[in-house]
């Protein structure tokens, strides 16, 4: 059974962050998200926007390792959805991404409530 409040957080890694500084920057950002959690039952989904040059500089295995390590370390972070970017998002695009993420979580929350708090492995 799933209990707790769903919350979505949209983060964008600044353009000046290099592949070498990515892990440290992400950890600081996720620590801030975790510190903002209101209860142990809160479930947080992070939508992370990163420039493709950073992702290519790290390689897929390294990126996967970093993201998995963050999810394992912080109990309220349910998952991190990674989006590669060619250019940084504008403020309007960030707001649009936040609105989309919130709508997705609202739909998921409604689905959970309709099922009595139970979801299968596919999220249904």
PDB file of N, CA and C in Angstrom:
ATOM      1  N   UNK A   1       0.840  -1.176   0.000  1.00  0.00           N
ATOM      2  CA  UNK A   1       0.000   0.000   0.000  1.00  0.00           C
ATOM      3  C   UNK A   1       0.888   1.243   0.000  1.00  0.00           C
ATOM      4  N   UNK A   2       0.510   2.215  -0.769  1.00  0.00           N
ATOM      5  CA  UNK A   2       1.257   3.461  -0.846  1.00  0.00           C
ATOM      6  C   UNK A   2       0.574   4.491   0.030  1.00  0.00           C
ATOM      7  N   UNK A   3       1.359   5.109   0.898  1.00  0.00           N
ATOM      8  CA  UNK A   3       0.833   6.165   1.752  1.00  0.00           C
ATOM      9  C   UNK A   3       1.735   7.368   1.617  1.00  0.00           C
ATOM     10  N   UNK A   4       1.210   8.526   1.926  1.00  0.00           N
ATOM     11  CA  UNK A   4       2.043   9.711   1.900  1.00  0.00           C
ATOM     12  C   UNK A   4       1.648  10.666   0.801  1.00  0.00           C
ATOM     13  N   UNK A   5       2.262  11.811   0.843  1.00  0.00           N
ATOM     14  CA  UNK A   5       1.991  12.890  -0.101  1.00  0.00           C
ATOM     15  C   UNK A   5       2.989  12.821  -1.253  1.00  0.00           C
ATOM     16  N   UNK A   6       2.493  12.894  -2.470  1.00  0.00           N
ATOM     17  CA  UNK A   6       3.352  12.952  -3.646  1.00  0.00           C
ATOM     18  C   UNK A   6       3.769  14.394  -3.884  1.00  0.00           C
ATOM     19  N   UNK A   7       5.031  14.578  -4.285  1.00  0.00           N
ATOM     20  CA  UNK A   7       5.510  15.917  -4.626  1.00  0.00           C
ATOM     21  C   UNK A   7       6.487  15.792  -5.784  1.00  0.00           C
ATOM     22  N   UNK A   8       6.444  16.761  -6.658  1.00  0.00           N
ATOM     23  CA  UNK A   8       7.336  16.793  -7.803  1.00  0.00           C
ATOM     24  C   UNK A   8       8.275  17.983  -7.665  1.00  0.00           C
ATOM     25  N   UNK A   9       9.537  17.769  -8.007  1.00  0.00           N
ATOM     26  CA  UNK A   9      10.538  18.829  -7.974  1.00  0.00           C
ATOM     27  C   UNK A   9      11.225  18.855  -9.337  1.00  0.00           C
ATOM     28  N   UNK A  10      11.335  20.043  -9.917  1.00  0.00           N
ATOM     29  CA  UNK A  10      12.009  20.199 -11.204  1.00  0.00           C
ATOM     30  C   UNK A  10      13.317  20.947 -10.959  1.00  0.00           C
ATOM     31  N   UNK A  11      14.423  20.327 -11.385  1.00  0.00           N
ATOM     32  CA  UNK A  11      15.748  20.924 -11.224  1.00  0.00           C
ATOM     33  C   UNK A  11      16.429  21.021 -12.583  1.00  0.00           C
ATOM     34  N   UNK A  12      17.205  22.075 -12.750  1.00  0.00           N
ATOM     35  CA  UNK A  12      18.023  22.214 -13.951  1.00  0.00           C
ATOM     36  C   UNK A  12      19.467  22.454 -13.510  1.00  0.00           C
ATOM     37  N   UNK A  13      20.362  21.637 -14.038  1.00  0.00           N
ATOM     38  CA  UNK A  13      21.778  21.800 -13.737  1.00  0.00           C
ATOM     39  C   UNK A  13      22.274  22.999 -14.538  1.00  0.00           C
ATOM     40  N   UNK A  14      22.897  23.984 -13.874  1.00  0.00           N
ATOM     41  CA  UNK A  14      23.371  25.181 -14.589  1.00  0.00           C
ATOM     42  C   UNK A  14      24.380  24.827 -15.688  1.00  0.00           C
ATOM     43  N   UNK A  15      24.404  25.653 -16.722  1.00  0.00           N
ATOM     44  CA  UNK A  15      25.275  25.410 -17.871  1.00  0.00           C
ATOM     45  C   UNK A  15      26.751  25.399 -17.490  1.00  0.00           C
ATOM     46  N   UNK A  16      27.127  26.100 -16.428  1.00  0.00           N
ATOM     47  CA  UNK A  16      28.540  26.167 -16.056  1.00  0.00           C
ATOM     48  C   UNK A  16      29.029  24.931 -15.298  1.00  0.00           C
ATOM     49  N   UNK A  17      28.133  24.005 -14.964  1.00  0.00           N
ATOM     50  CA  UNK A  17      28.540  22.781 -14.261  1.00  0.00           C
ATOM     51  C   UNK A  17      29.148  21.811 -15.276  1.00  0.00           C
ATOM     52  N   UNK A  18      30.375  21.410 -14.997  1.00  0.00           N
ATOM     53  CA  UNK A  18      31.083  20.476 -15.882  1.00  0.00           C
ATOM     54  C   UNK A  18      30.780  19.040 -15.457  1.00  0.00           C
ATOM     55  N   UNK A  19      31.127  18.062 -16.296  1.00  0.00           N
ATOM     56  CA  UNK A  19      30.940  16.669 -15.890  1.00  0.00           C
ATOM     57  C   UNK A  19      31.639  16.348 -14.557  1.00  0.00           C
ATOM     58  N   UNK A  20      32.790  16.960 -14.315  1.00  0.00           N
ATOM     59  CA  UNK A  20      33.513  16.701 -13.067  1.00  0.00           C
ATOM     60  C   UNK A  20      32.793  17.252 -11.843  1.00  0.00           C
ATOM     61  N   UNK A  21      32.010  18.293 -12.012  1.00  0.00           N
ATOM     62  CA  UNK A  21      31.305  18.919 -10.886  1.00  0.00           C
ATOM     63  C   UNK A  21      29.853  18.468 -10.768  1.00  0.00           C
ATOM     64  N   UNK A  22      29.406  17.644 -11.694  1.00  0.00           N
ATOM     65  CA  UNK A  22      28.000  17.232 -11.722  1.00  0.00           C
ATOM     66  C   UNK A  22      27.566  16.516 -10.446  1.00  0.00           C
ATOM     67  N   UNK A  23      28.312  15.509 -10.022  1.00  0.00           N
ATOM     68  CA  UNK A  23      27.928  14.709  -8.847  1.00  0.00           C
ATOM     69  C   UNK A  23      27.770  15.590  -7.607  1.00  0.00           C
ATOM     70  N   UNK A  24      28.739  16.449  -7.346  1.00  0.00           N
ATOM     71  CA  UNK A  24      28.669  17.318  -6.171  1.00  0.00           C
ATOM     72  C   UNK A  24      27.501  18.283  -6.241  1.00  0.00           C
ATOM     73  N   UNK A  25      27.277  18.848  -7.416  1.00  0.00           N
ATOM     74  CA  UNK A  25      26.155  19.774  -7.582  1.00  0.00           C
ATOM     75  C   UNK A  25      24.830  19.051  -7.349  1.00  0.00           C
ATOM     76  N   UNK A  26      24.677  17.874  -7.940  1.00  0.00           N
ATOM     77  CA  UNK A  26      23.437  17.115  -7.781  1.00  0.00           C
ATOM     78  C   UNK A  26      23.210  16.753  -6.312  1.00  0.00           C
ATOM     79  N   UNK A  27      24.236  16.320  -5.634  1.00  0.00           N
ATOM     80  CA  UNK A  27      24.087  15.964  -4.213  1.00  0.00           C
ATOM     81  C   UNK A  27      23.618  17.158  -3.385  1.00  0.00           C
ATOM     82  N   UNK A  28      24.186  18.330  -3.631  1.00  0.00           N
ATOM     83  CA  UNK A  28      23.749  19.529  -2.893  1.00  0.00           C
ATOM     84  C   UNK A  28      22.286  19.843  -3.169  1.00  0.00           C
ATOM     85  N   UNK A  29      21.889  19.747  -4.423  1.00  0.00           N
ATOM     86  CA  UNK A  29      20.498  20.036  -4.794  1.00  0.00           C
ATOM     87  C   UNK A  29      19.537  19.023  -4.158  1.00  0.00           C
ATOM     88  N   UNK A  30      19.899  17.749  -4.208  1.00  0.00           N
ATOM     89  CA  UNK A  30      19.031  16.704  -3.651  1.00  0.00           C
ATOM     90  C   UNK A  30      18.993  16.798  -2.124  1.00  0.00           C
ATOM     91  N   UNK A  31      20.104  17.154  -1.486  1.00  0.00           N
ATOM     92  CA  UNK A  31      20.096  17.367  -0.036  1.00  0.00           C
ATOM     93  C   UNK A  31      19.119  18.474   0.329  1.00  0.00           C
ATOM     94  N   UNK A  32      19.070  19.531  -0.475  1.00  0.00           N
ATOM     95  CA  UNK A  32      18.133  20.631  -0.223  1.00  0.00           C
ATOM     96  C   UNK A  32      16.692  20.154  -0.394  1.00  0.00           C
ATOM     97  N   UNK A  33      16.438  19.330  -1.389  1.00  0.00           N
ATOM     98  CA  UNK A  33      15.092  18.776  -1.589  1.00  0.00           C
ATOM     99  C   UNK A  33      14.719  17.897  -0.401  1.00  0.00           C
ATOM    100  N   UNK A  34      15.629  17.020   0.019  1.00  0.00           N
ATOM    101  CA  UNK A  34      15.378  16.128   1.152  1.00  0.00           C
ATOM    102  C   UNK A  34      15.145  16.932   2.431  1.00  0.00           C
ATOM    103  N   UNK A  35      15.893  18.009   2.634  1.00  0.00           N
ATOM    104  CA  UNK A  35      15.731  18.842   3.828  1.00  0.00           C
ATOM    105  C   UNK A  35      14.370  19.533   3.856  1.00  0.00           C
ATOM    106  N   UNK A  36      13.760  19.717   2.684  1.00  0.00           N
ATOM    107  CA  UNK A  36      12.465  20.379   2.585  1.00  0.00           C
ATOM    108  C   UNK A  36      11.292  19.423   2.795  1.00  0.00           C
ATOM    109  N   UNK A  37      11.568  18.138   2.929  1.00  0.00           N
ATOM    110  CA  UNK A  37      10.527  17.128   3.102  1.00  0.00           C
ATOM    111  C   UNK A  37       9.821  17.363   4.439  1.00  0.00           C
ATOM    112  N   UNK A  38       8.494  17.301   4.407  1.00  0.00           N
ATOM    113  CA  UNK A  38       7.691  17.583   5.594  1.00  0.00           C
ATOM    114  C   UNK A  38       7.468  16.371   6.498  1.00  0.00           C
ATOM    115  N   UNK A  39       7.459  15.157   5.924  1.00  0.00           N
ATOM    116  CA  UNK A  39       7.232  13.956   6.731  1.00  0.00           C
ATOM    117  C   UNK A  39       7.942  12.768   6.095  1.00  0.00           C
ATOM    118  N   UNK A  40       8.098  11.718   6.883  1.00  0.00           N
ATOM    119  CA  UNK A  40       8.771  10.516   6.393  1.00  0.00           C
ATOM    120  C   UNK A  40       7.971   9.824   5.291  1.00  0.00           C
ATOM    121  N   UNK A  41       6.674  10.081   5.222  1.00  0.00           N
ATOM    122  CA  UNK A  41       5.820   9.445   4.223  1.00  0.00           C
ATOM    123  C   UNK A  41       5.776  10.203   2.899  1.00  0.00           C
ATOM    124  N   UNK A  42       6.371  11.376   2.835  1.00  0.00           N
ATOM    125  CA  UNK A  42       6.340  12.173   1.599  1.00  0.00           C
ATOM    126  C   UNK A  42       7.156  11.475   0.506  1.00  0.00           C
ATOM    127  N   UNK A  43       6.589  11.426  -0.689  1.00  0.00           N
ATOM    128  CA  UNK A  43       7.226  10.777  -1.829  1.00  0.00           C
ATOM    129  C   UNK A  43       7.571  11.850  -2.853  1.00  0.00           C
ATOM    130  N   UNK A  44       8.863  11.943  -3.203  1.00  0.00           N
ATOM    131  CA  UNK A  44       9.333  12.998  -4.089  1.00  0.00           C
ATOM    132  C   UNK A  44       9.846  12.379  -5.398  1.00  0.00           C
ATOM    133  N   UNK A  45       9.369  12.932  -6.504  1.00  0.00           N
ATOM    134  CA  UNK A  45       9.865  12.571  -7.825  1.00  0.00           C
ATOM    135  C   UNK A  45      10.577  13.804  -8.372  1.00  0.00           C
ATOM    136  N   UNK A  46      11.840  13.622  -8.761  1.00  0.00           N
ATOM    137  CA  UNK A  46      12.656  14.733  -9.256  1.00  0.00           C
ATOM    138  C   UNK A  46      12.755  14.638 -10.767  1.00  0.00           C
ATOM    139  N   UNK A  47      12.480  15.733 -11.420  1.00  0.00           N
ATOM    140  CA  UNK A  47      12.684  15.835 -12.871  1.00  0.00           C
ATOM    141  C   UNK A  47      13.925  16.685 -13.068  1.00  0.00           C
ATOM    142  N   UNK A  48      14.989  16.076 -13.581  1.00  0.00           N
ATOM    143  CA  UNK A  48      16.296  16.703 -13.673  1.00  0.00           C
ATOM    144  C   UNK A  48      16.662  16.989 -15.126  1.00  0.00           C
ATOM    145  N   UNK A  49      16.903  18.263 -15.420  1.00  0.00           N
ATOM    146  CA  UNK A  49      17.308  18.688 -16.757  1.00  0.00           C
ATOM    147  C   UNK A  49      18.810  18.964 -16.752  1.00  0.00           C
ATOM    148  N   UNK A  50      19.527  18.297 -17.659  1.00  0.00           N
ATOM    149  CA  UNK A  50      20.985  18.390 -17.731  1.00  0.00           C
ATOM    150  C   UNK A  50      21.389  18.565 -19.196  1.00  0.00           C
ATOM    151  N   UNK A  51      22.364  19.415 -19.425  1.00  0.00           N
ATOM    152  CA  UNK A  51      22.869  19.578 -20.789  1.00  0.00           C
ATOM    153  C   UNK A  51      23.495  18.273 -21.275  1.00  0.00           C
ATOM    154  N   UNK A  52      23.247  17.950 -22.534  1.00  0.00           N
ATOM    155  CA  UNK A  52      23.758  16.707 -23.108  1.00  0.00           C
ATOM    156  C   UNK A  52      25.280  16.621 -23.040  1.00  0.00           C
ATOM    157  N   UNK A  53      25.970  17.758 -23.139  1.00  0.00           N
ATOM    158  CA  UNK A  53      27.439  17.728 -23.092  1.00  0.00           C
ATOM    159  C   UNK A  53      27.926  17.179 -21.748  1.00  0.00           C
ATOM    160  N   UNK A  54      27.201  17.428 -20.683  1.00  0.00           N
ATOM    161  CA  UNK A  54      27.569  16.884 -19.367  1.00  0.00           C
ATOM    162  C   UNK A  54      27.313  15.382 -19.342  1.00  0.00           C
ATOM    163  N   UNK A  55      26.159  14.974 -19.856  1.00  0.00           N
ATOM    164  CA  UNK A  55      25.824  13.550 -19.881  1.00  0.00           C
ATOM    165  C   UNK A  55      26.805  12.759 -20.731  1.00  0.00           C
ATOM    166  N   UNK A  56      27.148  13.285 -21.907  1.00  0.00           N
ATOM    167  CA  UNK A  56      28.104  12.597 -22.772  1.00  0.00           C
ATOM    168  C   UNK A  56      29.491  12.569 -22.138  1.00  0.00           C
ATOM    169  N   UNK A  57      29.847  13.629 -21.421  1.00  0.00           N
ATOM    170  CA  UNK A  57      31.140  13.685 -20.753  1.00  0.00           C
ATOM    171  C   UNK A  57      31.285  12.642 -19.654  1.00  0.00           C
ATOM    172  N   UNK A  58      30.174  12.286 -19.042  1.00  0.00           N
ATOM    173  CA  UNK A  58      30.198  11.286 -17.971  1.00  0.00           C
ATOM    174  C   UNK A  58      30.021   9.868 -18.489  1.00  0.00           C
ATOM    175  N   UNK A  59      29.193   9.701 -19.484  1.00  0.00           N
ATOM    176  CA  UNK A  59      28.873   8.372 -19.987  1.00  0.00           C
ATOM    177  C   UNK A  59      27.662   7.806 -19.256  1.00  0.00           C
ATOM    178  N   UNK A  60      26.954   6.921 -19.929  1.00  0.00           N
ATOM    179  CA  UNK A  60      25.701   6.390 -19.399  1.00  0.00           C
ATOM    180  C   UNK A  60      25.877   5.633 -18.083  1.00  0.00           C
ATOM    181  N   UNK A  61      26.888   4.783 -17.991  1.00  0.00           N
ATOM    182  CA  UNK A  61      27.086   3.998 -16.763  1.00  0.00           C
ATOM    183  C   UNK A  61      27.341   4.889 -15.561  1.00  0.00           C
ATOM    184  N   UNK A  62      28.152   5.919 -15.730  1.00  0.00           N
ATOM    185  CA  UNK A  62      28.471   6.839 -14.636  1.00  0.00           C
ATOM    186  C   UNK A  62      27.229   7.620 -14.212  1.00  0.00           C
ATOM    187  N   UNK A  63      26.464   8.109 -15.185  1.00  0.00           N
ATOM    188  CA  UNK A  63      25.236   8.851 -14.873  1.00  0.00           C
ATOM    189  C   UNK A  63      24.268   7.944 -14.115  1.00  0.00           C
ATOM    190  N   UNK A  64      24.078   6.718 -14.597  1.00  0.00           N
ATOM    191  CA  UNK A  64      23.195   5.770 -13.914  1.00  0.00           C
ATOM    192  C   UNK A  64      23.659   5.516 -12.487  1.00  0.00           C
ATOM    193  N   UNK A  65      24.952   5.351 -12.305  1.00  0.00           N
ATOM    194  CA  UNK A  65      25.515   5.111 -10.982  1.00  0.00           C
ATOM    195  C   UNK A  65      25.252   6.293 -10.043  1.00  0.00           C
ATOM    196  N   UNK A  66      25.457   7.490 -10.538  1.00  0.00           N
ATOM    197  CA  UNK A  66      25.231   8.696  -9.730  1.00  0.00           C
ATOM    198  C   UNK A  66      23.761   8.800  -9.334  1.00  0.00           C
ATOM    199  N   UNK A  67      22.862   8.630 -10.294  1.00  0.00           N
ATOM    200  CA  UNK A  67      21.428   8.753 -10.013  1.00  0.00           C
ATOM    201  C   UNK A  67      20.948   7.662  -9.066  1.00  0.00           C
ATOM    202  N   UNK A  68      21.388   6.432  -9.286  1.00  0.00           N
ATOM    203  CA  UNK A  68      20.998   5.332  -8.385  1.00  0.00           C
ATOM    204  C   UNK A  68      21.511   5.570  -6.972  1.00  0.00           C
ATOM    205  N   UNK A  69      22.730   6.080  -6.856  1.00  0.00           N
ATOM    206  CA  UNK A  69      23.285   6.369  -5.536  1.00  0.00           C
ATOM    207  C   UNK A  69      22.483   7.417  -4.783  1.00  0.00           C
ATOM    208  N   UNK A  70      22.016   8.429  -5.500  1.00  0.00           N
ATOM    209  CA  UNK A  70      21.205   9.483  -4.882  1.00  0.00           C
ATOM    210  C   UNK A  70      19.869   8.918  -4.404  1.00  0.00           C
ATOM    211  N   UNK A  71      19.219   8.122  -5.244  1.00  0.00           N
ATOM    212  CA  UNK A  71      17.921   7.554  -4.881  1.00  0.00           C
ATOM    213  C   UNK A  71      18.060   6.616  -3.683  1.00  0.00           C
ATOM    214  N   UNK A  72      19.138   5.848  -3.629  1.00  0.00           N
ATOM    215  CA  UNK A  72      19.360   4.937  -2.505  1.00  0.00           C
ATOM    216  C   UNK A  72      19.664   5.685  -1.211  1.00  0.00           C
ATOM    217  N   UNK A  73      20.356   6.812  -1.304  1.00  0.00           N
ATOM    218  CA  UNK A  73      20.799   7.540  -0.113  1.00  0.00           C
ATOM    219  C   UNK A  73      19.691   8.356   0.553  1.00  0.00           C
ATOM    220  N   UNK A  74      18.784   8.896  -0.241  1.00  0.00           N
ATOM    221  CA  UNK A  74      17.758   9.790   0.293  1.00  0.00           C
ATOM    222  C   UNK A  74      16.404   9.087   0.256  1.00  0.00           C
ATOM    223  N   UNK A  75      15.852   8.765   1.429  1.00  0.00           N
ATOM    224  CA  UNK A  75      14.677   7.895   1.515  1.00  0.00           C
ATOM    225  C   UNK A  75      13.402   8.446   0.872  1.00  0.00           C
ATOM    226  N   UNK A  76      13.239   9.724   0.795  1.00  0.00           N
ATOM    227  CA  UNK A  76      12.001  10.276   0.242  1.00  0.00           C
ATOM    228  C   UNK A  76      12.066  10.471  -1.270  1.00  0.00           C
ATOM    229  N   UNK A  77      13.243  10.369  -1.853  1.00  0.00           N
ATOM    230  CA  UNK A  77      13.388  10.516  -3.304  1.00  0.00           C
ATOM    231  C   UNK A  77      13.013   9.181  -3.932  1.00  0.00           C
ATOM    232  N   UNK A  78      11.861   9.148  -4.574  1.00  0.00           N
ATOM    233  CA  UNK A  78      11.366   7.918  -5.185  1.00  0.00           C
ATOM    234  C   UNK A  78      12.107   7.608  -6.478  1.00  0.00           C
ATOM    235  N   UNK A  79      12.289   8.631  -7.302  1.00  0.00           N
ATOM    236  CA  UNK A  79      13.020   8.441  -8.561  1.00  0.00           C
ATOM    237  C   UNK A  79      13.445   9.792  -9.121  1.00  0.00           C
ATOM    238  N   UNK A  80      14.386   9.708 -10.058  1.00  0.00           N
ATOM    239  CA  UNK A  80      14.864  10.889 -10.761  1.00  0.00           C
ATOM    240  C   UNK A  80      14.639  10.642 -12.243  1.00  0.00           C
ATOM    241  N   UNK A  81      13.863  11.527 -12.849  1.00  0.00           N
ATOM    242  CA  UNK A  81      13.602  11.459 -14.284  1.00  0.00           C
ATOM    243  C   UNK A  81      14.584  12.398 -14.970  1.00  0.00           C
ATOM    244  N   UNK A  82      15.457  11.851 -15.790  1.00  0.00           N
ATOM    245  CA  UNK A  82      16.524  12.616 -16.426  1.00  0.00           C
ATOM    246  C   UNK A  82      16.121  13.054 -17.829  1.00  0.00           C
ATOM    247  N   UNK A  83      16.338  14.328 -18.115  1.00  0.00           N
ATOM    248  CA  UNK A  83      16.066  14.880 -19.446  1.00  0.00           C
ATOM    249  C   UNK A  83      17.335  15.560 -19.944  1.00  0.00           C
ATOM    250  N   UNK A  84      17.840  15.118 -21.096  1.00  0.00           N
ATOM    251  CA  UNK A  84      19.001  15.755 -21.701  1.00  0.00           C
ATOM    252  C   UNK A  84      18.576  16.976 -22.507  1.00  0.00           C
ATOM    253  N   UNK A  85      19.368  18.023 -22.434  1.00  0.00           N
ATOM    254  CA  UNK A  85      19.062  19.276 -23.123  1.00  0.00           C
ATOM    255  C   UNK A  85      20.207  19.683 -24.042  1.00  0.00           C
ATOM    256  N   UNK A  86      19.860  20.290 -25.156  1.00  0.00           N
ATOM    257  CA  UNK A  86      20.863  20.870 -26.039  1.00  0.00           C
ATOM    258  C   UNK A  86      21.236  22.261 -25.532  1.00  0.00           C
ATOM    259  N   UNK A  87      20.242  22.965 -24.981  1.00  0.00           N
ATOM    260  CA  UNK A  87      20.441  24.306 -24.425  1.00  0.00           C
ATOM    261  C   UNK A  87      19.661  24.402 -23.120  1.00  0.00           C
ATOM    262  N   UNK A  88      20.061  25.283 -22.231  1.00  0.00           N
ATOM    263  CA  UNK A  88      19.325  25.438 -20.967  1.00  0.00           C
ATOM    264  C   UNK A  88      17.880  25.889 -21.224  1.00  0.00           C
ATOM    265  N   UNK A  89      16.992  25.500 -20.316  1.00  0.00           N
ATOM    266  CA  UNK A  89      15.598  25.913 -20.411  1.00  0.00           C
ATOM    267  C   UNK A  89      15.430  27.354 -19.939  1.00  0.00           C
ATOM    268  N   UNK A  90      14.467  28.036 -20.535  1.00  0.00           N
ATOM    269  CA  UNK A  90      14.112  29.377 -20.070  1.00  0.00           C
ATOM    270  C   UNK A  90      13.220  29.230 -18.841  1.00  0.00           C
ATOM    271  N   UNK A  91      12.961  30.332 -18.168  1.00  0.00           N
ATOM    272  CA  UNK A  91      12.092  30.319 -16.989  1.00  0.00           C
ATOM    273  C   UNK A  91      10.692  29.819 -17.357  1.00  0.00           C
ATOM    274  N   UNK A  92      10.174  30.238 -18.510  1.00  0.00           N
ATOM    275  CA  UNK A  92       8.854  29.783 -18.952  1.00  0.00           C
ATOM    276  C   UNK A  92       8.843  28.277 -19.216  1.00  0.00           C
ATOM    277  N   UNK A  93       9.900  27.770 -19.820  1.00  0.00           N
ATOM    278  CA  UNK A  93       9.989  26.336 -20.088  1.00  0.00           C
ATOM    279  C   UNK A  93      10.106  25.538 -18.793  1.00  0.00           C
ATOM    280  N   UNK A  94      10.821  26.079 -17.820  1.00  0.00           N
ATOM    281  CA  UNK A  94      10.916  25.421 -16.512  1.00  0.00           C
ATOM    282  C   UNK A  94       9.538  25.374 -15.847  1.00  0.00           C
ATOM    283  N   UNK A  95       8.784  26.449 -15.926  1.00  0.00           N
ATOM    284  CA  UNK A  95       7.444  26.476 -15.340  1.00  0.00           C
ATOM    285  C   UNK A  95       6.528  25.479 -16.035  1.00  0.00           C
ATOM    286  N   UNK A  96       6.651  25.391 -17.353  1.00  0.00           N
ATOM    287  CA  UNK A  96       5.858  24.420 -18.104  1.00  0.00           C
ATOM    288  C   UNK A  96       6.204  22.995 -17.678  1.00  0.00           C
ATOM    289  N   UNK A  97       7.488  22.706 -17.501  1.00  0.00           N
ATOM    290  CA  UNK A  97       7.916  21.376 -17.053  1.00  0.00           C
ATOM    291  C   UNK A  97       7.379  21.081 -15.652  1.00  0.00           C
ATOM    292  N   UNK A  98       7.395  22.072 -14.774  1.00  0.00           N
ATOM    293  CA  UNK A  98       6.865  21.901 -13.418  1.00  0.00           C
ATOM    294  C   UNK A  98       5.366  21.628 -13.463  1.00  0.00           C
ATOM    295  N   UNK A  99       4.640  22.342 -14.310  1.00  0.00           N
ATOM    296  CA  UNK A  99       3.200  22.135 -14.447  1.00  0.00           C
ATOM    297  C   UNK A  99       2.895  20.735 -14.973  1.00  0.00           C
ATOM    298  N   UNK A 100       3.675  20.280 -15.963  1.00  0.00           N
ATOM    299  CA  UNK A 100       3.491  18.929 -16.507  1.00  0.00           C
ATOM    300  C   UNK A 100       3.761  17.867 -15.441  1.00  0.00           C
ATOM    301  N   UNK A 101       4.821  18.053 -14.683  1.00  0.00           N
ATOM    302  CA  UNK A 101       5.163  17.095 -13.633  1.00  0.00           C
ATOM    303  C   UNK A 101       4.073  17.048 -12.571  1.00  0.00           C
ATOM    304  N   UNK A 102       3.537  18.195 -12.202  1.00  0.00           N
ATOM    305  CA  UNK A 102       2.480  18.243 -11.199  1.00  0.00           C
ATOM    306  C   UNK A 102       1.214  17.559 -11.716  1.00  0.00           C
ATOM    307  N   UNK A 103       0.888  17.760 -12.984  1.00  0.00           N
ATOM    308  CA  UNK A 103      -0.280  17.112 -13.568  1.00  0.00           C
ATOM    309  C   UNK A 103      -0.113  15.593 -13.585  1.00  0.00           C
ATOM    310  N   UNK A 104       1.085  15.126 -13.893  1.00  0.00           N
ATOM    311  CA  UNK A 104       1.364  13.689 -13.885  1.00  0.00           C
ATOM    312  C   UNK A 104       1.198  13.115 -12.486  1.00  0.00           C
ATOM    313  N   UNK A 105       1.716  13.817 -11.478  1.00  0.00           N
ATOM    314  CA  UNK A 105       1.578  13.342 -10.106  1.00  0.00           C
ATOM    315  C   UNK A 105       0.128  13.378  -9.637  1.00  0.00           C
ATOM    316  N   UNK A 106      -0.626  14.376 -10.052  1.00  0.00           N
ATOM    317  CA  UNK A 106      -2.043  14.446  -9.685  1.00  0.00           C
ATOM    318  C   UNK A 106      -2.796  13.253 -10.266  1.00  0.00           C
ATOM    319  N   UNK A 107      -2.487  12.906 -11.512  1.00  0.00           N
ATOM    320  CA  UNK A 107      -3.120  11.749 -12.144  1.00  0.00           C
ATOM    321  C   UNK A 107      -2.727  10.461 -11.424  1.00  0.00           C
ATOM    322  N   UNK A 108      -1.469  10.323 -11.066  1.00  0.00           N
ATOM    323  CA  UNK A 108      -1.005   9.145 -10.339  1.00  0.00           C
ATOM    324  C   UNK A 108      -1.666   9.058  -8.974  1.00  0.00           C
ATOM    325  N   UNK A 109      -1.754  10.167  -8.282  1.00  0.00           N
ATOM    326  CA  UNK A 109      -2.389  10.196  -6.969  1.00  0.00           C
ATOM    327  C   UNK A 109      -3.854   9.782  -7.066  1.00  0.00           C
ATOM    328  N   UNK A 110      -4.552  10.269  -8.080  1.00  0.00           N
ATOM    329  CA  UNK A 110      -5.951   9.895  -8.280  1.00  0.00           C
ATOM    330  C   UNK A 110      -6.071   8.400  -8.559  1.00  0.00           C
ATOM    331  N   UNK A 111      -5.132   7.883  -9.326  1.00  0.00           N
ATOM    332  CA  UNK A 111      -5.115   6.461  -9.643  1.00  0.00           C
ATOM    333  C   UNK A 111      -4.899   5.628  -8.382  1.00  0.00           C
ATOM    334  N   UNK A 112      -3.990   6.084  -7.527  1.00  0.00           N
ATOM    335  CA  UNK A 112      -3.714   5.377  -6.273  1.00  0.00           C
ATOM    336  C   UNK A 112      -4.951   5.389  -5.384  1.00  0.00           C
ATOM    337  N   UNK A 113      -5.584   6.539  -5.264  1.00  0.00           N
ATOM    338  CA  UNK A 113      -6.784   6.642  -4.428  1.00  0.00           C
ATOM    339  C   UNK A 113      -7.900   5.745  -4.965  1.00  0.00           C
ATOM    340  N   UNK A 114      -8.062   5.696  -6.274  1.00  0.00           N
ATOM    341  CA  UNK A 114      -9.101   4.878  -6.885  1.00  0.00           C
ATOM    342  C   UNK A 114      -8.850   3.389  -6.677  1.00  0.00           C
ATOM    343  N   UNK A 115      -7.578   3.006  -6.561  1.00  0.00           N
ATOM    344  CA  UNK A 115      -7.239   1.591  -6.384  1.00  0.00           C
ATOM    345  C   UNK A 115      -7.135   1.199  -4.916  1.00  0.00           C
ATOM    346  N   UNK A 116      -7.456   2.107  -4.034  1.00  0.00           N
ATOM    347  CA  UNK A 116      -7.365   1.808  -2.604  1.00  0.00           C
ATOM    348  C   UNK A 116      -5.947   1.868  -2.076  1.00  0.00           C
ATOM    349  N   UNK A 117      -5.071   2.559  -2.787  1.00  0.00           N
ATOM    350  CA  UNK A 117      -3.689   2.716  -2.329  1.00  0.00           C
ATOM    351  C   UNK A 117      -2.752   1.640  -2.809  1.00  0.00           C
ATOM    352  N   UNK A 118      -3.184   0.829  -3.777  1.00  0.00           N
ATOM    353  CA  UNK A 118      -2.336  -0.265  -4.269  1.00  0.00           C
ATOM    354  C   UNK A 118      -2.046  -0.055  -5.745  1.00  0.00           C
ATOM    355  N   UNK A 119      -0.793  -0.210  -6.105  1.00  0.00           N
ATOM    356  CA  UNK A 119      -0.371  -0.162  -7.504  1.00  0.00           C
ATOM    357  C   UNK A 119       0.457  -1.397  -7.798  1.00  0.00           C
ATOM    358  N   UNK A 120       0.399  -1.889  -9.032  1.00  0.00           N
ATOM    359  CA  UNK A 120       1.256  -3.008  -9.411  1.00  0.00           C
ATOM    360  C   UNK A 120       2.614  -2.475  -9.863  1.00  0.00           C
ATOM    361  N   UNK A 121       3.481  -3.331 -10.336  1.00  0.00           N
ATOM    362  CA  UNK A 121       4.853  -2.959 -10.713  1.00  0.00           C
ATOM    363  C   UNK A 121       4.892  -1.945 -11.857  1.00  0.00           C
ATOM    364  N   UNK A 122       3.836  -1.880 -12.662  1.00  0.00           N
ATOM    365  CA  UNK A 122       3.795  -0.939 -13.773  1.00  0.00           C
ATOM    366  C   UNK A 122       3.194   0.402 -13.367  1.00  0.00           C
ATOM    367  N   UNK A 123       2.862   0.569 -12.094  1.00  0.00           N
ATOM    368  CA  UNK A 123       2.278   1.812 -11.633  1.00  0.00           C
ATOM    369  C   UNK A 123       0.788   1.895 -11.918  1.00  0.00           C
ATOM    370  N   UNK A 124       0.114   0.754 -12.050  1.00  0.00           N
ATOM    371  CA  UNK A 124      -1.328   0.725 -12.346  1.00  0.00           C
ATOM    372  C   UNK A 124      -2.082  -0.081 -11.319  1.00  0.00           C
TER     373      UNK A 124
END
